């Protein structure tokens, strides 16, 4: 599984750890990905990995869960 949002394409970014003495070492900022069930426009339901920004902004439409009778 790649660390990429399937909605917006957000990927890990590279930056620096900066210590108190200003020594810089490389680090990685990973996106906050969540596995969630998404219902596409054609009615297909699939589990995808999306970032929390896409979840919060409403880009993901969750399927309606029917209760068993």
PDB file of N, CA and C in Angstrom:
ATOM      1  N   UNK A   1       0.834  -1.176   0.000  1.00  0.00           N
ATOM      2  CA  UNK A   1       0.000   0.000   0.000  1.00  0.00           C
ATOM      3  C   UNK A   1       0.880   1.240   0.000  1.00  0.00           C
ATOM      4  N   UNK A   2       0.697   2.092  -0.987  1.00  0.00           N
ATOM      5  CA  UNK A   2       1.472   3.325  -1.015  1.00  0.00           C
ATOM      6  C   UNK A   2       0.814   4.344  -0.093  1.00  0.00           C
ATOM      7  N   UNK A   3       1.616   5.237   0.423  1.00  0.00           N
ATOM      8  CA  UNK A   3       1.104   6.273   1.327  1.00  0.00           C
ATOM      9  C   UNK A   3       0.651   7.476   0.508  1.00  0.00           C
ATOM     10  N   UNK A   4      -0.471   7.283  -0.191  1.00  0.00           N
ATOM     11  CA  UNK A   4      -0.991   8.344  -1.045  1.00  0.00           C
ATOM     12  C   UNK A   4      -2.508   8.384  -0.918  1.00  0.00           C
ATOM     13  N   UNK A   5      -3.050   9.584  -0.795  1.00  0.00           N
ATOM     14  CA  UNK A   5      -4.494   9.763  -0.739  1.00  0.00           C
ATOM     15  C   UNK A   5      -5.076   9.486  -2.120  1.00  0.00           C
ATOM     16  N   UNK A   6      -6.117   8.653  -2.176  1.00  0.00           N
ATOM     17  CA  UNK A   6      -6.712   8.294  -3.459  1.00  0.00           C
ATOM     18  C   UNK A   6      -7.636   9.383  -3.999  1.00  0.00           C
ATOM     19  N   UNK A   7      -7.957  10.380  -3.192  1.00  0.00           N
ATOM     20  CA  UNK A   7      -8.799  11.482  -3.644  1.00  0.00           C
ATOM     21  C   UNK A   7      -7.971  12.654  -4.169  1.00  0.00           C
ATOM     22  N   UNK A   8      -7.050  13.145  -3.363  1.00  0.00           N
ATOM     23  CA  UNK A   8      -6.311  14.353  -3.746  1.00  0.00           C
ATOM     24  C   UNK A   8      -4.876  14.075  -4.162  1.00  0.00           C
ATOM     25  N   UNK A   9      -4.373  12.862  -3.928  1.00  0.00           N
ATOM     26  CA  UNK A   9      -3.014  12.523  -4.343  1.00  0.00           C
ATOM     27  C   UNK A   9      -1.933  13.005  -3.392  1.00  0.00           C
ATOM     28  N   UNK A  10      -2.307  13.329  -2.162  1.00  0.00           N
ATOM     29  CA  UNK A  10      -1.322  13.806  -1.189  1.00  0.00           C
ATOM     30  C   UNK A  10      -0.347  12.673  -0.848  1.00  0.00           C
ATOM     31  N   UNK A  11       0.965  12.983  -0.863  1.00  0.00           N
ATOM     32  CA  UNK A  11       2.022  11.999  -0.636  1.00  0.00           C
ATOM     33  C   UNK A  11       2.926  12.464   0.511  1.00  0.00           C
ATOM     34  N   UNK A  12       3.846  11.588   0.978  1.00  0.00           N
ATOM     35  CA  UNK A  12       4.803  12.031   1.996  1.00  0.00           C
ATOM     36  C   UNK A  12       5.686  13.158   1.487  1.00  0.00           C
ATOM     37  N   UNK A  13       6.024  14.080   2.391  1.00  0.00           N
ATOM     38  CA  UNK A  13       6.923  15.178   2.067  1.00  0.00           C
ATOM     39  C   UNK A  13       8.186  15.041   2.906  1.00  0.00           C
ATOM     40  N   UNK A  14       9.286  15.561   2.390  1.00  0.00           N
ATOM     41  CA  UNK A  14      10.570  15.461   3.072  1.00  0.00           C
ATOM     42  C   UNK A  14      10.916  16.810   3.673  1.00  0.00           C
ATOM     43  N   UNK A  15      11.447  16.764   4.902  1.00  0.00           N
ATOM     44  CA  UNK A  15      11.861  17.989   5.573  1.00  0.00           C
ATOM     45  C   UNK A  15      13.022  17.697   6.505  1.00  0.00           C
ATOM     46  N   UNK A  16      13.238  18.559   7.466  1.00  0.00           N
ATOM     47  CA  UNK A  16      14.347  18.414   8.401  1.00  0.00           C
ATOM     48  C   UNK A  16      13.867  18.370   9.835  1.00  0.00           C
ATOM     49  N   UNK A  17      14.510  17.487  10.647  1.00  0.00           N
ATOM     50  CA  UNK A  17      14.456  17.611  12.097  1.00  0.00           C
ATOM     51  C   UNK A  17      15.451  18.708  12.433  1.00  0.00           C
ATOM     52  N   UNK A  18      15.065  19.660  13.246  1.00  0.00           N
ATOM     53  CA  UNK A  18      15.993  20.705  13.659  1.00  0.00           C
ATOM     54  C   UNK A  18      16.130  20.622  15.169  1.00  0.00           C
ATOM     55  N   UNK A  19      17.323  20.302  15.635  1.00  0.00           N
ATOM     56  CA  UNK A  19      17.560  20.148  17.065  1.00  0.00           C
ATOM     57  C   UNK A  19      17.753  21.507  17.726  1.00  0.00           C
ATOM     58  N   UNK A  20      17.877  21.483  19.038  1.00  0.00           N
ATOM     59  CA  UNK A  20      18.090  22.723  19.793  1.00  0.00           C
ATOM     60  C   UNK A  20      19.399  23.393  19.381  1.00  0.00           C
ATOM     61  N   UNK A  21      20.393  22.575  19.009  1.00  0.00           N
ATOM     62  CA  UNK A  21      21.688  23.122  18.578  1.00  0.00           C
ATOM     63  C   UNK A  21      21.716  23.400  17.074  1.00  0.00           C
ATOM     64  N   UNK A  22      20.555  23.368  16.433  1.00  0.00           N
ATOM     65  CA  UNK A  22      20.364  23.697  15.019  1.00  0.00           C
ATOM     66  C   UNK A  22      21.004  22.683  14.061  1.00  0.00           C
ATOM     67  N   UNK A  23      21.159  21.433  14.530  1.00  0.00           N
ATOM     68  CA  UNK A  23      21.631  20.358  13.646  1.00  0.00           C
ATOM     69  C   UNK A  23      20.430  19.837  12.868  1.00  0.00           C
ATOM     70  N   UNK A  24      20.586  19.704  11.554  1.00  0.00           N
ATOM     71  CA  UNK A  24      19.468  19.296  10.700  1.00  0.00           C
ATOM     72  C   UNK A  24      19.684  17.884  10.173  1.00  0.00           C
ATOM     73  N   UNK A  25      18.685  17.030  10.357  1.00  0.00           N
ATOM     74  CA  UNK A  25      18.686  15.677   9.801  1.00  0.00           C
ATOM     75  C   UNK A  25      17.378  15.468   9.077  1.00  0.00           C
ATOM     76  N   UNK A  26      17.392  14.618   8.051  1.00  0.00           N
ATOM     77  CA  UNK A  26      16.206  14.407   7.217  1.00  0.00           C
ATOM     78  C   UNK A  26      15.111  13.663   7.975  1.00  0.00           C
ATOM     79  N   UNK A  27      13.872  14.004   7.661  1.00  0.00           N
ATOM     80  CA  UNK A  27      12.702  13.314   8.198  1.00  0.00           C
ATOM     81  C   UNK A  27      11.610  13.315   7.149  1.00  0.00           C
ATOM     82  N   UNK A  28      10.547  12.543   7.414  1.00  0.00           N
ATOM     83  CA  UNK A  28       9.440  12.414   6.466  1.00  0.00           C
ATOM     84  C   UNK A  28       8.142  12.812   7.161  1.00  0.00           C
ATOM     85  N   UNK A  29       7.363  13.661   6.506  1.00  0.00           N
ATOM     86  CA  UNK A  29       6.026  14.016   6.972  1.00  0.00           C
ATOM     87  C   UNK A  29       5.032  13.169   6.190  1.00  0.00           C
ATOM     88  N   UNK A  30       4.419  12.182   6.850  1.00  0.00           N
ATOM     89  CA  UNK A  30       3.445  11.320   6.183  1.00  0.00           C
ATOM     90  C   UNK A  30       2.041  11.911   6.315  1.00  0.00           C
ATOM     91  N   UNK A  31       1.205  11.772   5.275  1.00  0.00           N
ATOM     92  CA  UNK A  31      -0.176  12.243   5.394  1.00  0.00           C
ATOM     93  C   UNK A  31      -0.968  11.343   6.335  1.00  0.00           C
ATOM     94  N   UNK A  32      -1.962  11.907   6.981  1.00  0.00           N
ATOM     95  CA  UNK A  32      -2.801  11.158   7.917  1.00  0.00           C
ATOM     96  C   UNK A  32      -3.876  10.424   7.113  1.00  0.00           C
ATOM     97  N   UNK A  33      -3.591   9.168   6.741  1.00  0.00           N
ATOM     98  CA  UNK A  33      -4.494   8.403   5.886  1.00  0.00           C
ATOM     99  C   UNK A  33      -5.387   7.496   6.711  1.00  0.00           C
ATOM    100  N   UNK A  34      -6.639   7.407   6.297  1.00  0.00           N
ATOM    101  CA  UNK A  34      -7.627   6.540   6.936  1.00  0.00           C
ATOM    102  C   UNK A  34      -8.253   5.651   5.873  1.00  0.00           C
ATOM    103  N   UNK A  35      -8.490   4.387   6.237  1.00  0.00           N
ATOM    104  CA  UNK A  35      -9.177   3.472   5.330  1.00  0.00           C
ATOM    105  C   UNK A  35     -10.679   3.627   5.567  1.00  0.00           C
ATOM    106  N   UNK A  36     -11.419   3.972   4.504  1.00  0.00           N
ATOM    107  CA  UNK A  36     -12.842   4.246   4.649  1.00  0.00           C
ATOM    108  C   UNK A  36     -13.588   3.700   3.432  1.00  0.00           C
ATOM    109  N   UNK A  37     -14.826   3.264   3.649  1.00  0.00           N
ATOM    110  CA  UNK A  37     -15.659   2.780   2.539  1.00  0.00           C
ATOM    111  C   UNK A  37     -16.256   3.988   1.833  1.00  0.00           C
ATOM    112  N   UNK A  38     -16.132   3.994   0.499  1.00  0.00           N
ATOM    113  CA  UNK A  38     -16.590   5.132  -0.304  1.00  0.00           C
ATOM    114  C   UNK A  38     -17.532   4.634  -1.383  1.00  0.00           C
ATOM    115  N   UNK A  39     -18.647   5.356  -1.569  1.00  0.00           N
ATOM    116  CA  UNK A  39     -19.599   5.017  -2.622  1.00  0.00           C
ATOM    117  C   UNK A  39     -19.392   5.977  -3.786  1.00  0.00           C
ATOM    118  N   UNK A  40     -19.019   5.426  -4.941  1.00  0.00           N
ATOM    119  CA  UNK A  40     -18.771   6.220  -6.134  1.00  0.00           C
ATOM    120  C   UNK A  40     -20.088   6.616  -6.796  1.00  0.00           C
ATOM    121  N   UNK A  41     -20.023   7.486  -7.774  1.00  0.00           N
ATOM    122  CA  UNK A  41     -21.219   8.007  -8.441  1.00  0.00           C
ATOM    123  C   UNK A  41     -22.006   6.913  -9.151  1.00  0.00           C
ATOM    124  N   UNK A  42     -21.321   5.859  -9.615  1.00  0.00           N
ATOM    125  CA  UNK A  42     -22.020   4.772 -10.309  1.00  0.00           C
ATOM    126  C   UNK A  42     -22.611   3.744  -9.348  1.00  0.00           C
ATOM    127  N   UNK A  43     -22.498   3.962  -8.038  1.00  0.00           N
ATOM    128  CA  UNK A  43     -23.070   3.067  -7.042  1.00  0.00           C
ATOM    129  C   UNK A  43     -22.099   2.044  -6.483  1.00  0.00           C
ATOM    130  N   UNK A  44     -20.893   1.975  -7.036  1.00  0.00           N
ATOM    131  CA  UNK A  44     -19.895   1.019  -6.565  1.00  0.00           C
ATOM    132  C   UNK A  44     -19.380   1.440  -5.192  1.00  0.00           C
ATOM    133  N   UNK A  45     -19.232   0.462  -4.292  1.00  0.00           N
ATOM    134  CA  UNK A  45     -18.705   0.721  -2.955  1.00  0.00           C
ATOM    135  C   UNK A  45     -17.351   0.033  -2.845  1.00  0.00           C
ATOM    136  N   UNK A  46     -16.332   0.806  -2.447  1.00  0.00           N
ATOM    137  CA  UNK A  46     -14.975   0.274  -2.336  1.00  0.00           C
ATOM    138  C   UNK A  46     -14.284   0.896  -1.133  1.00  0.00           C
ATOM    139  N   UNK A  47     -13.359   0.169  -0.514  1.00  0.00           N
ATOM    140  CA  UNK A  47     -12.563   0.714   0.575  1.00  0.00           C
ATOM    141  C   UNK A  47     -11.347   1.405  -0.019  1.00  0.00           C
ATOM    142  N   UNK A  48     -11.157   2.679   0.336  1.00  0.00           N
ATOM    143  CA  UNK A  48     -10.040   3.440  -0.195  1.00  0.00           C
ATOM    144  C   UNK A  48      -9.301   4.118   0.961  1.00  0.00           C
ATOM    145  N   UNK A  49      -8.077   4.552   0.696  1.00  0.00           N
ATOM    146  CA  UNK A  49      -7.286   5.300   1.673  1.00  0.00           C
ATOM    147  C   UNK A  49      -7.359   6.770   1.323  1.00  0.00           C
ATOM    148  N   UNK A  50      -7.883   7.561   2.247  1.00  0.00           N
ATOM    149  CA  UNK A  50      -7.997   8.999   2.021  1.00  0.00           C
ATOM    150  C   UNK A  50      -7.428   9.748   3.211  1.00  0.00           C
ATOM    151  N   UNK A  51      -6.965  10.968   2.966  1.00  0.00           N
ATOM    152  CA  UNK A  51      -6.436  11.794   4.044  1.00  0.00           C
ATOM    153  C   UNK A  51      -7.604  12.410   4.826  1.00  0.00           C
ATOM    154  N   UNK A  52      -7.312  12.854   6.024  1.00  0.00           N
ATOM    155  CA  UNK A  52      -8.361  13.411   6.874  1.00  0.00           C
ATOM    156  C   UNK A  52      -8.881  14.737   6.333  1.00  0.00           C
ATOM    157  N   UNK A  53      -8.094  15.445   5.542  1.00  0.00           N
ATOM    158  CA  UNK A  53      -8.572  16.689   4.922  1.00  0.00           C
ATOM    159  C   UNK A  53      -9.713  16.397   3.961  1.00  0.00           C
ATOM    160  N   UNK A  54      -9.597  15.311   3.165  1.00  0.00           N
ATOM    161  CA  UNK A  54     -10.662  14.939   2.225  1.00  0.00           C
ATOM    162  C   UNK A  54     -11.898  14.444   2.968  1.00  0.00           C
ATOM    163  N   UNK A  55     -11.703  13.714   4.078  1.00  0.00           N
ATOM    164  CA  UNK A  55     -12.845  13.266   4.874  1.00  0.00           C
ATOM    165  C   UNK A  55     -13.605  14.456   5.441  1.00  0.00           C
ATOM    166  N   UNK A  56     -12.870  15.417   5.971  1.00  0.00           N
ATOM    167  CA  UNK A  56     -13.484  16.564   6.628  1.00  0.00           C
ATOM    168  C   UNK A  56     -14.183  17.483   5.641  1.00  0.00           C
ATOM    169  N   UNK A  57     -13.639  17.607   4.428  1.00  0.00           N
ATOM    170  CA  UNK A  57     -14.211  18.518   3.452  1.00  0.00           C
ATOM    171  C   UNK A  57     -15.409  17.926   2.717  1.00  0.00           C
ATOM    172  N   UNK A  58     -15.692  16.629   2.931  1.00  0.00           N
ATOM    173  CA  UNK A  58     -16.870  16.025   2.329  1.00  0.00           C
ATOM    174  C   UNK A  58     -16.652  15.452   0.946  1.00  0.00           C
ATOM    175  N   UNK A  59     -15.417  15.207   0.561  1.00  0.00           N
ATOM    176  CA  UNK A  59     -15.156  14.604  -0.746  1.00  0.00           C
ATOM    177  C   UNK A  59     -15.521  13.129  -0.780  1.00  0.00           C
ATOM    178  N   UNK A  60     -15.593  12.506   0.403  1.00  0.00           N
ATOM    179  CA  UNK A  60     -15.923  11.084   0.495  1.00  0.00           C
ATOM    180  C   UNK A  60     -17.395  10.950   0.852  1.00  0.00           C
ATOM    181  N   UNK A  61     -18.136  10.171   0.043  1.00  0.00           N
ATOM    182  CA  UNK A  61     -19.531   9.895   0.382  1.00  0.00           C
ATOM    183  C   UNK A  61     -19.599   8.472   0.906  1.00  0.00           C
ATOM    184  N   UNK A  62     -19.999   8.337   2.151  1.00  0.00           N
ATOM    185  CA  UNK A  62     -20.075   7.024   2.763  1.00  0.00           C
ATOM    186  C   UNK A  62     -21.381   6.350   2.368  1.00  0.00           C
ATOM    187  N   UNK A  63     -21.341   5.024   2.154  1.00  0.00           N
ATOM    188  CA  UNK A  63     -22.569   4.320   1.762  1.00  0.00           C
ATOM    189  C   UNK A  63     -23.544   4.220   2.928  1.00  0.00           C
ATOM    190  N   UNK A  64     -24.819   4.139   2.602  1.00  0.00           N
ATOM    191  CA  UNK A  64     -25.863   3.992   3.620  1.00  0.00           C
ATOM    192  C   UNK A  64     -25.860   2.542   4.082  1.00  0.00           C
ATOM    193  N   UNK A  65     -25.782   2.340   5.400  1.00  0.00           N
ATOM    194  CA  UNK A  65     -25.761   0.999   5.965  1.00  0.00           C
ATOM    195  C   UNK A  65     -27.184   0.628   6.354  1.00  0.00           C
ATOM    196  N   UNK A  66     -27.686  -0.442   5.774  1.00  0.00           N
ATOM    197  CA  UNK A  66     -29.038  -0.916   6.100  1.00  0.00           C
ATOM    198  C   UNK A  66     -28.967  -1.917   7.231  1.00  0.00           C
ATOM    199  N   UNK A  67     -29.879  -1.775   8.191  1.00  0.00           N
ATOM    200  CA  UNK A  67     -29.932  -2.711   9.315  1.00  0.00           C
ATOM    201  C   UNK A  67     -30.664  -3.966   8.917  1.00  0.00           C
ATOM    202  N   UNK A  68     -30.184  -5.111   9.401  1.00  0.00           N
ATOM    203  CA  UNK A  68     -30.816  -6.389   9.087  1.00  0.00           C
ATOM    204  C   UNK A  68     -32.154  -6.489   9.815  1.00  0.00           C
ATOM    205  N   UNK A  69     -33.161  -6.971   9.107  1.00  0.00           N
ATOM    206  CA  UNK A  69     -34.492  -7.091   9.709  1.00  0.00           C
ATOM    207  C   UNK A  69     -34.842  -8.524   9.921  1.00  0.00           C
TER     208      UNK A  69
END
